[in-house]
ModelCIF file with pLDDT and N, C-alpha, C, O atoms, coordinates in Angstrom:
data_MODEL
#
_entry.id   MODEL 
#
_entity.id                         1 
_entity.type                       polymer 
_entity.pdbx_number_of_molecules   1 
#
_entity_poly.entity_id                      1 
_entity_poly.type                           'polypeptide(L)' 
_entity_poly.nstd_linkage                   no 
_entity_poly.nstd_monomer                   no 
_entity_poly.pdbx_seq_one_letter_code       AVGLGVENVIGVLDLALVSVAGGLLASVVVLGATIL 
_entity_poly.pdbx_seq_one_letter_code_can   AVGLGVENVIGVLDLALVSVAGGLLASVVVLGATIL 
_entity_poly.pdbx_strand_id                 A 
#
loop_
_entity_poly_seq.entity_id 
_entity_poly_seq.num 
_entity_poly_seq.mon_id 
_entity_poly_seq.hetero 
1 1  ALA n 
1 2  VAL n 
1 3  GLY n 
1 4  LEU n 
1 5  GLY n 
1 6  VAL n 
1 7  GLU n 
1 8  ASN n 
1 9  VAL n 
1 10 ILE n 
1 11 GLY n 
1 12 VAL n 
1 13 LEU n 
1 14 ASP n 
1 15 LEU n 
1 16 ALA n 
1 17 LEU n 
1 18 VAL n 
1 19 SER n 
1 20 VAL n 
1 21 ALA n 
1 22 GLY n 
1 23 GLY n 
1 24 LEU n 
1 25 LEU n 
1 26 ALA n 
1 27 SER n 
1 28 VAL n 
1 29 VAL n 
1 30 VAL n 
1 31 LEU n 
1 32 GLY n 
1 33 ALA n 
1 34 THR n 
1 35 ILE n 
1 36 LEU n 
#
_struct_asym.id          A 
_struct_asym.entity_id   1 
#
loop_
_ma_qa_metric.id 
_ma_qa_metric.mode 
_ma_qa_metric.name 
_ma_qa_metric.software_group_id 
_ma_qa_metric.type 
1 global pLDDT . pLDDT 
2 local  pLDDT . pLDDT 
#
_ma_qa_metric_global.metric_id      1 
_ma_qa_metric_global.metric_value   87.94 
_ma_qa_metric_global.model_id       1 
_ma_qa_metric_global.ordinal_id     1 
#
loop_
_ma_qa_metric_local.label_asym_id 
_ma_qa_metric_local.label_comp_id 
_ma_qa_metric_local.label_seq_id 
_ma_qa_metric_local.metric_id 
_ma_qa_metric_local.metric_value 
_ma_qa_metric_local.model_id 
_ma_qa_metric_local.ordinal_id 
A ALA 1  2 88.00 1 1  
A VAL 2  2 88.00 1 2  
A GLY 3  2 86.00 1 3  
A LEU 4  2 83.00 1 4  
A GLY 5  2 81.00 1 5  
A VAL 6  2 80.00 1 6  
A GLU 7  2 80.00 1 7  
A ASN 8  2 84.00 1 8  
A VAL 9  2 86.00 1 9  
A ILE 10 2 90.00 1 10 
A GLY 11 2 90.00 1 11 
A VAL 12 2 92.00 1 12 
A LEU 13 2 93.00 1 13 
A ASP 14 2 94.00 1 14 
A LEU 15 2 94.00 1 15 
A ALA 16 2 94.00 1 16 
A LEU 17 2 95.00 1 17 
A VAL 18 2 94.00 1 18 
A SER 19 2 94.00 1 19 
A VAL 20 2 95.00 1 20 
A ALA 21 2 95.00 1 21 
A GLY 22 2 93.00 1 22 
A GLY 23 2 91.00 1 23 
A LEU 24 2 93.00 1 24 
A LEU 25 2 92.00 1 25 
A ALA 26 2 89.00 1 26 
A SER 27 2 88.00 1 27 
A VAL 28 2 88.00 1 28 
A VAL 29 2 86.00 1 29 
A VAL 30 2 84.00 1 30 
A LEU 31 2 86.00 1 31 
A GLY 32 2 84.00 1 32 
A ALA 33 2 80.00 1 33 
A THR 34 2 78.00 1 34 
A ILE 35 2 78.00 1 35 
A LEU 36 2 80.00 1 36 
#
loop_
_atom_site.group_PDB 
_atom_site.id 
_atom_site.type_symbol 
_atom_site.label_atom_id 
_atom_site.label_alt_id 
_atom_site.label_comp_id 
_atom_site.label_asym_id 
_atom_site.label_entity_id 
_atom_site.label_seq_id 
_atom_site.pdbx_PDB_ins_code 
_atom_site.Cartn_x 
_atom_site.Cartn_y 
_atom_site.Cartn_z 
_atom_site.occupancy 
_atom_site.B_iso_or_equiv 
_atom_site.pdbx_formal_charge 
_atom_site.auth_seq_id 
_atom_site.auth_comp_id 
_atom_site.auth_asym_id 
_atom_site.auth_atom_id 
_atom_site.pdbx_PDB_model_num 
ATOM 1   N N  . ALA A 1 1  ? 0.671   9.471   -10.951 1.00 88.00 ? 1  ALA A N  1 
ATOM 2   C CA . ALA A 1 1  ? -0.005  10.548  -10.109 1.00 88.00 ? 1  ALA A CA 1 
ATOM 3   C C  . ALA A 1 1  ? 1.037   11.546  -10.774 1.00 88.00 ? 1  ALA A C  1 
ATOM 4   O O  . ALA A 1 1  ? 0.607   12.400  -11.549 1.00 88.00 ? 1  ALA A O  1 
ATOM 5   N N  . VAL A 1 2  ? 2.161   11.477  -10.544 1.00 88.00 ? 2  VAL A N  1 
ATOM 6   C CA . VAL A 1 2  ? 3.233   12.718  -11.145 1.00 88.00 ? 2  VAL A CA 1 
ATOM 7   C C  . VAL A 1 2  ? 2.916   13.087  -12.528 1.00 88.00 ? 2  VAL A C  1 
ATOM 8   O O  . VAL A 1 2  ? 2.837   14.267  -12.869 1.00 88.00 ? 2  VAL A O  1 
ATOM 9   N N  . GLY A 1 3  ? 2.729   12.082  -13.354 1.00 86.00 ? 3  GLY A N  1 
ATOM 10  C CA . GLY A 1 3  ? 2.479   12.125  -14.927 1.00 86.00 ? 3  GLY A CA 1 
ATOM 11  C C  . GLY A 1 3  ? 1.391   12.642  -15.121 1.00 86.00 ? 3  GLY A C  1 
ATOM 12  O O  . GLY A 1 3  ? 1.356   13.181  -16.227 1.00 86.00 ? 3  GLY A O  1 
ATOM 13  N N  . LEU A 1 4  ? 0.242   12.754  -14.411 1.00 83.00 ? 4  LEU A N  1 
ATOM 14  C CA . LEU A 1 4  ? -1.280  13.224  -14.524 1.00 83.00 ? 4  LEU A CA 1 
ATOM 15  C C  . LEU A 1 4  ? -1.598  14.326  -13.496 1.00 83.00 ? 4  LEU A C  1 
ATOM 16  O O  . LEU A 1 4  ? -2.700  14.633  -13.042 1.00 83.00 ? 4  LEU A O  1 
ATOM 17  N N  . GLY A 1 5  ? -0.495  14.806  -13.253 1.00 81.00 ? 5  GLY A N  1 
ATOM 18  C CA . GLY A 1 5  ? -0.439  16.075  -12.574 1.00 81.00 ? 5  GLY A CA 1 
ATOM 19  C C  . GLY A 1 5  ? -0.983  16.509  -11.229 1.00 81.00 ? 5  GLY A C  1 
ATOM 20  O O  . GLY A 1 5  ? -1.431  17.610  -10.908 1.00 81.00 ? 5  GLY A O  1 
ATOM 21  N N  . VAL A 1 6  ? -0.845  15.390  -10.505 1.00 80.00 ? 6  VAL A N  1 
ATOM 22  C CA . VAL A 1 6  ? -1.153  15.497  -9.159  1.00 80.00 ? 6  VAL A CA 1 
ATOM 23  C C  . VAL A 1 6  ? -0.188  16.017  -8.312  1.00 80.00 ? 6  VAL A C  1 
ATOM 24  O O  . VAL A 1 6  ? 0.889   15.435  -8.186  1.00 80.00 ? 6  VAL A O  1 
ATOM 25  N N  . GLU A 1 7  ? -0.484  17.223  -7.609  1.00 80.00 ? 7  GLU A N  1 
ATOM 26  C CA . GLU A 1 7  ? 0.658   18.209  -6.989  1.00 80.00 ? 7  GLU A CA 1 
ATOM 27  C C  . GLU A 1 7  ? 1.305   17.552  -5.920  1.00 80.00 ? 7  GLU A C  1 
ATOM 28  O O  . GLU A 1 7  ? 0.813   16.510  -5.488  1.00 80.00 ? 7  GLU A O  1 
ATOM 29  N N  . ASN A 1 8  ? 2.444   18.063  -5.386  1.00 84.00 ? 8  ASN A N  1 
ATOM 30  C CA . ASN A 1 8  ? 2.843   17.818  -4.393  1.00 84.00 ? 8  ASN A CA 1 
ATOM 31  C C  . ASN A 1 8  ? 3.159   16.402  -3.727  1.00 84.00 ? 8  ASN A C  1 
ATOM 32  O O  . ASN A 1 8  ? 3.554   16.287  -2.567  1.00 84.00 ? 8  ASN A O  1 
ATOM 33  N N  . VAL A 1 9  ? 2.884   15.092  -4.803  1.00 86.00 ? 9  VAL A N  1 
ATOM 34  C CA . VAL A 1 9  ? 2.901   13.779  -4.277  1.00 86.00 ? 9  VAL A CA 1 
ATOM 35  C C  . VAL A 1 9  ? 3.984   13.517  -3.251  1.00 86.00 ? 9  VAL A C  1 
ATOM 36  O O  . VAL A 1 9  ? 5.075   14.078  -3.347  1.00 86.00 ? 9  VAL A O  1 
ATOM 37  N N  . ILE A 1 10 ? 3.692   12.647  -2.242  1.00 90.00 ? 10 ILE A N  1 
ATOM 38  C CA . ILE A 1 10 ? 4.817   12.081  -1.511  1.00 90.00 ? 10 ILE A CA 1 
ATOM 39  C C  . ILE A 1 10 ? 5.603   11.203  -2.086  1.00 90.00 ? 10 ILE A C  1 
ATOM 40  O O  . ILE A 1 10 ? 5.218   10.525  -3.039  1.00 90.00 ? 10 ILE A O  1 
ATOM 41  N N  . GLY A 1 11 ? 7.096   11.091  -1.445  1.00 90.00 ? 11 GLY A N  1 
ATOM 42  C CA . GLY A 1 11 ? 7.833   10.294  -2.203  1.00 90.00 ? 11 GLY A CA 1 
ATOM 43  C C  . GLY A 1 11 ? 7.572   8.894   -2.112  1.00 90.00 ? 11 GLY A C  1 
ATOM 44  O O  . GLY A 1 11 ? 6.777   8.336   -1.356  1.00 90.00 ? 11 GLY A O  1 
ATOM 45  N N  . VAL A 1 12 ? 8.464   8.298   -3.120  1.00 92.00 ? 12 VAL A N  1 
ATOM 46  C CA . VAL A 1 12 ? 8.426   6.815   -3.580  1.00 92.00 ? 12 VAL A CA 1 
ATOM 47  C C  . VAL A 1 12 ? 8.445   6.036   -2.509  1.00 92.00 ? 12 VAL A C  1 
ATOM 48  O O  . VAL A 1 12 ? 7.768   5.013   -2.397  1.00 92.00 ? 12 VAL A O  1 
ATOM 49  N N  . LEU A 1 13 ? 9.263   6.504   -1.621  1.00 93.00 ? 13 LEU A N  1 
ATOM 50  C CA . LEU A 1 13 ? 9.683   5.527   -0.454  1.00 93.00 ? 13 LEU A CA 1 
ATOM 51  C C  . LEU A 1 13 ? 8.635   5.365   0.723   1.00 93.00 ? 13 LEU A C  1 
ATOM 52  O O  . LEU A 1 13 ? 8.314   4.343   1.329   1.00 93.00 ? 13 LEU A O  1 
ATOM 53  N N  . ASP A 1 14 ? 8.178   6.719   0.875   1.00 94.00 ? 14 ASP A N  1 
ATOM 54  C CA . ASP A 1 14 ? 6.874   6.767   1.611   1.00 94.00 ? 14 ASP A CA 1 
ATOM 55  C C  . ASP A 1 14 ? 5.734   6.004   1.399   1.00 94.00 ? 14 ASP A C  1 
ATOM 56  O O  . ASP A 1 14 ? 5.070   5.369   2.217   1.00 94.00 ? 14 ASP A O  1 
ATOM 57  N N  . LEU A 1 15 ? 5.564   6.167   0.002   1.00 94.00 ? 15 LEU A N  1 
ATOM 58  C CA . LEU A 1 15 ? 4.487   5.302   -0.718  1.00 94.00 ? 15 LEU A CA 1 
ATOM 59  C C  . LEU A 1 15 ? 4.639   3.663   -0.323  1.00 94.00 ? 15 LEU A C  1 
ATOM 60  O O  . LEU A 1 15 ? 3.814   2.859   0.112   1.00 94.00 ? 15 LEU A O  1 
ATOM 61  N N  . ALA A 1 16 ? 6.136   3.531   -0.689  1.00 94.00 ? 16 ALA A N  1 
ATOM 62  C CA . ALA A 1 16 ? 6.443   1.971   -0.548  1.00 94.00 ? 16 ALA A CA 1 
ATOM 63  C C  . ALA A 1 16 ? 6.140   1.618   0.955   1.00 94.00 ? 16 ALA A C  1 
ATOM 64  O O  . ALA A 1 16 ? 5.284   0.752   1.137   1.00 94.00 ? 16 ALA A O  1 
ATOM 65  N N  . LEU A 1 17 ? 6.693   2.143   1.969   1.00 95.00 ? 17 LEU A N  1 
ATOM 66  C CA . LEU A 1 17 ? 6.133   1.778   3.190   1.00 95.00 ? 17 LEU A CA 1 
ATOM 67  C C  . LEU A 1 17 ? 4.842   1.705   3.479   1.00 95.00 ? 17 LEU A C  1 
ATOM 68  O O  . LEU A 1 17 ? 4.419   0.653   3.959   1.00 95.00 ? 17 LEU A O  1 
ATOM 69  N N  . VAL A 1 18 ? 3.991   2.762   3.256   1.00 94.00 ? 18 VAL A N  1 
ATOM 70  C CA . VAL A 1 18 ? 2.748   2.374   3.652   1.00 94.00 ? 18 VAL A CA 1 
ATOM 71  C C  . VAL A 1 18 ? 2.112   1.361   2.965   1.00 94.00 ? 18 VAL A C  1 
ATOM 72  O O  . VAL A 1 18 ? 1.338   0.590   3.532   1.00 94.00 ? 18 VAL A O  1 
ATOM 73  N N  . SER A 1 19 ? 2.496   1.270   1.242   1.00 94.00 ? 19 SER A N  1 
ATOM 74  C CA . SER A 1 19 ? 1.857   0.138   0.603   1.00 94.00 ? 19 SER A CA 1 
ATOM 75  C C  . SER A 1 19 ? 2.421   -1.103  1.188   1.00 94.00 ? 19 SER A C  1 
ATOM 76  O O  . SER A 1 19 ? 1.487   -1.856  1.463   1.00 94.00 ? 19 SER A O  1 
ATOM 77  N N  . VAL A 1 20 ? 3.393   -1.541  1.444   1.00 95.00 ? 20 VAL A N  1 
ATOM 78  C CA . VAL A 1 20 ? 3.998   -2.840  1.986   1.00 95.00 ? 20 VAL A CA 1 
ATOM 79  C C  . VAL A 1 20 ? 3.715   -3.097  3.309   1.00 95.00 ? 20 VAL A C  1 
ATOM 80  O O  . VAL A 1 20 ? 3.318   -4.222  3.615   1.00 95.00 ? 20 VAL A O  1 
ATOM 81  N N  . ALA A 1 21 ? 3.864   -2.160  4.224   1.00 95.00 ? 21 ALA A N  1 
ATOM 82  C CA . ALA A 1 21 ? 3.195   -2.228  5.482   1.00 95.00 ? 21 ALA A CA 1 
ATOM 83  C C  . ALA A 1 21 ? 1.762   -2.538  5.688   1.00 95.00 ? 21 ALA A C  1 
ATOM 84  O O  . ALA A 1 21 ? 1.413   -3.492  6.383   1.00 95.00 ? 21 ALA A O  1 
ATOM 85  N N  . GLY A 1 22 ? 0.973   -1.790  5.128   1.00 93.00 ? 22 GLY A N  1 
ATOM 86  C CA . GLY A 1 22 ? -0.290  -1.929  5.255   1.00 93.00 ? 22 GLY A CA 1 
ATOM 87  C C  . GLY A 1 22 ? -1.199  -3.227  4.430   1.00 93.00 ? 22 GLY A C  1 
ATOM 88  O O  . GLY A 1 22 ? -2.248  -3.804  4.716   1.00 93.00 ? 22 GLY A O  1 
ATOM 89  N N  . GLY A 1 23 ? -0.177  -3.355  3.221   1.00 91.00 ? 23 GLY A N  1 
ATOM 90  C CA . GLY A 1 23 ? -0.625  -4.510  2.671   1.00 91.00 ? 23 GLY A CA 1 
ATOM 91  C C  . GLY A 1 23 ? -0.363  -5.733  3.237   1.00 91.00 ? 23 GLY A C  1 
ATOM 92  O O  . GLY A 1 23 ? -1.121  -6.649  2.918   1.00 91.00 ? 23 GLY A O  1 
ATOM 93  N N  . LEU A 1 24 ? 0.552   -5.969  4.020   1.00 93.00 ? 24 LEU A N  1 
ATOM 94  C CA . LEU A 1 24 ? 0.650   -7.223  4.837   1.00 93.00 ? 24 LEU A CA 1 
ATOM 95  C C  . LEU A 1 24 ? -0.023  -7.292  5.862   1.00 93.00 ? 24 LEU A C  1 
ATOM 96  O O  . LEU A 1 24 ? -0.453  -8.386  6.228   1.00 93.00 ? 24 LEU A O  1 
ATOM 97  N N  . LEU A 1 25 ? -0.290  -6.077  6.612   1.00 92.00 ? 25 LEU A N  1 
ATOM 98  C CA . LEU A 1 25 ? -1.380  -6.011  7.666   1.00 92.00 ? 25 LEU A CA 1 
ATOM 99  C C  . LEU A 1 25 ? -2.650  -6.587  7.360   1.00 92.00 ? 25 LEU A C  1 
ATOM 100 O O  . LEU A 1 25 ? -3.240  -7.392  8.080   1.00 92.00 ? 25 LEU A O  1 
ATOM 101 N N  . ALA A 1 26 ? -3.074  -6.116  6.192   1.00 89.00 ? 26 ALA A N  1 
ATOM 102 C CA . ALA A 1 26 ? -4.408  -6.466  5.729   1.00 89.00 ? 26 ALA A CA 1 
ATOM 103 C C  . ALA A 1 26 ? -4.279  -7.889  5.204   1.00 89.00 ? 26 ALA A C  1 
ATOM 104 O O  . ALA A 1 26 ? -5.264  -8.573  5.483   1.00 89.00 ? 26 ALA A O  1 
ATOM 105 N N  . SER A 1 27 ? -3.375  -8.485  4.554   1.00 88.00 ? 27 SER A N  1 
ATOM 106 C CA . SER A 1 27 ? -3.396  -9.654  3.935   1.00 88.00 ? 27 SER A CA 1 
ATOM 107 C C  . SER A 1 27 ? -3.420  -10.775 5.107   1.00 88.00 ? 27 SER A C  1 
ATOM 108 O O  . SER A 1 27 ? -4.011  -11.842 4.942   1.00 88.00 ? 27 SER A O  1 
ATOM 109 N N  . VAL A 1 28 ? -2.821  -10.492 6.150   1.00 88.00 ? 28 VAL A N  1 
ATOM 110 C CA . VAL A 1 28 ? -2.851  -11.467 7.159   1.00 88.00 ? 28 VAL A CA 1 
ATOM 111 C C  . VAL A 1 28 ? -4.094  -12.205 7.623   1.00 88.00 ? 28 VAL A C  1 
ATOM 112 O O  . VAL A 1 28 ? -4.328  -13.351 8.007   1.00 88.00 ? 28 VAL A O  1 
ATOM 113 N N  . VAL A 1 29 ? -4.883  -10.968 7.416   1.00 86.00 ? 29 VAL A N  1 
ATOM 114 C CA . VAL A 1 29 ? -6.496  -11.217 7.989   1.00 86.00 ? 29 VAL A CA 1 
ATOM 115 C C  . VAL A 1 29 ? -7.350  -12.063 6.618   1.00 86.00 ? 29 VAL A C  1 
ATOM 116 O O  . VAL A 1 29 ? -8.199  -12.954 6.619   1.00 86.00 ? 29 VAL A O  1 
ATOM 117 N N  . VAL A 1 30 ? -6.733  -11.381 5.623   1.00 84.00 ? 30 VAL A N  1 
ATOM 118 C CA . VAL A 1 30 ? -7.590  -11.972 4.231   1.00 84.00 ? 30 VAL A CA 1 
ATOM 119 C C  . VAL A 1 30 ? -7.073  -13.338 3.734   1.00 84.00 ? 30 VAL A C  1 
ATOM 120 O O  . VAL A 1 30 ? -7.774  -14.028 2.995   1.00 84.00 ? 30 VAL A O  1 
ATOM 121 N N  . LEU A 1 31 ? -5.532  -13.832 4.241   1.00 86.00 ? 31 LEU A N  1 
ATOM 122 C CA . LEU A 1 31 ? -5.191  -15.038 4.151   1.00 86.00 ? 31 LEU A CA 1 
ATOM 123 C C  . LEU A 1 31 ? -5.781  -16.050 4.973   1.00 86.00 ? 31 LEU A C  1 
ATOM 124 O O  . LEU A 1 31 ? -6.044  -17.182 4.566   1.00 86.00 ? 31 LEU A O  1 
ATOM 125 N N  . GLY A 1 32 ? -6.026  -15.549 6.368   1.00 84.00 ? 32 GLY A N  1 
ATOM 126 C CA . GLY A 1 32 ? -6.700  -16.386 7.119   1.00 84.00 ? 32 GLY A CA 1 
ATOM 127 C C  . GLY A 1 32 ? -8.093  -16.932 6.975   1.00 84.00 ? 32 GLY A C  1 
ATOM 128 O O  . GLY A 1 32 ? -8.538  -18.028 7.317   1.00 84.00 ? 32 GLY A O  1 
ATOM 129 N N  . ALA A 1 33 ? -8.716  -15.842 6.347   1.00 80.00 ? 33 ALA A N  1 
ATOM 130 C CA . ALA A 1 33 ? -9.968  -16.268 5.988   1.00 80.00 ? 33 ALA A CA 1 
ATOM 131 C C  . ALA A 1 33 ? -10.153 -17.355 4.766   1.00 80.00 ? 33 ALA A C  1 
ATOM 132 O O  . ALA A 1 33 ? -10.973 -18.273 4.727   1.00 80.00 ? 33 ALA A O  1 
ATOM 133 N N  . THR A 1 34 ? -9.096  -16.976 3.709   1.00 78.00 ? 34 THR A N  1 
ATOM 134 C CA . THR A 1 34 ? -9.017  -17.853 2.825   1.00 78.00 ? 34 THR A CA 1 
ATOM 135 C C  . THR A 1 34 ? -8.914  -19.285 2.926   1.00 78.00 ? 34 THR A C  1 
ATOM 136 O O  . THR A 1 34 ? -9.552  -20.111 2.272   1.00 78.00 ? 34 THR A O  1 
ATOM 137 N N  . ILE A 1 35 ? -7.835  -19.546 4.026   1.00 78.00 ? 35 ILE A N  1 
ATOM 138 C CA . ILE A 1 35 ? -7.788  -20.831 4.362   1.00 78.00 ? 35 ILE A CA 1 
ATOM 139 C C  . ILE A 1 35 ? -8.707  -21.438 5.027   1.00 78.00 ? 35 ILE A C  1 
ATOM 140 O O  . ILE A 1 35 ? -9.090  -22.590 4.823   1.00 78.00 ? 35 ILE A O  1 
ATOM 141 N N  . LEU A 1 36 ? -9.191  -20.514 6.042   1.00 80.00 ? 36 LEU A N  1 
ATOM 142 C CA . LEU A 1 36 ? -10.681 -21.148 6.671   1.00 80.00 ? 36 LEU A CA 1 
ATOM 143 C C  . LEU A 1 36 ? -11.648 -21.613 5.777   1.00 80.00 ? 36 LEU A C  1 
ATOM 144 O O  . LEU A 1 36 ? -12.711 -22.067 6.200   1.00 80.00 ? 36 LEU A O  1 
#
């Protein structure tokens, strides 16, 4: 995003928190469906 000119990108720690927390929340559902 920074390299291709997206302005005012939020910090990498904020992105990491959203990515990991959101990813885990979504993955719980998808993992359960795959096991079923």
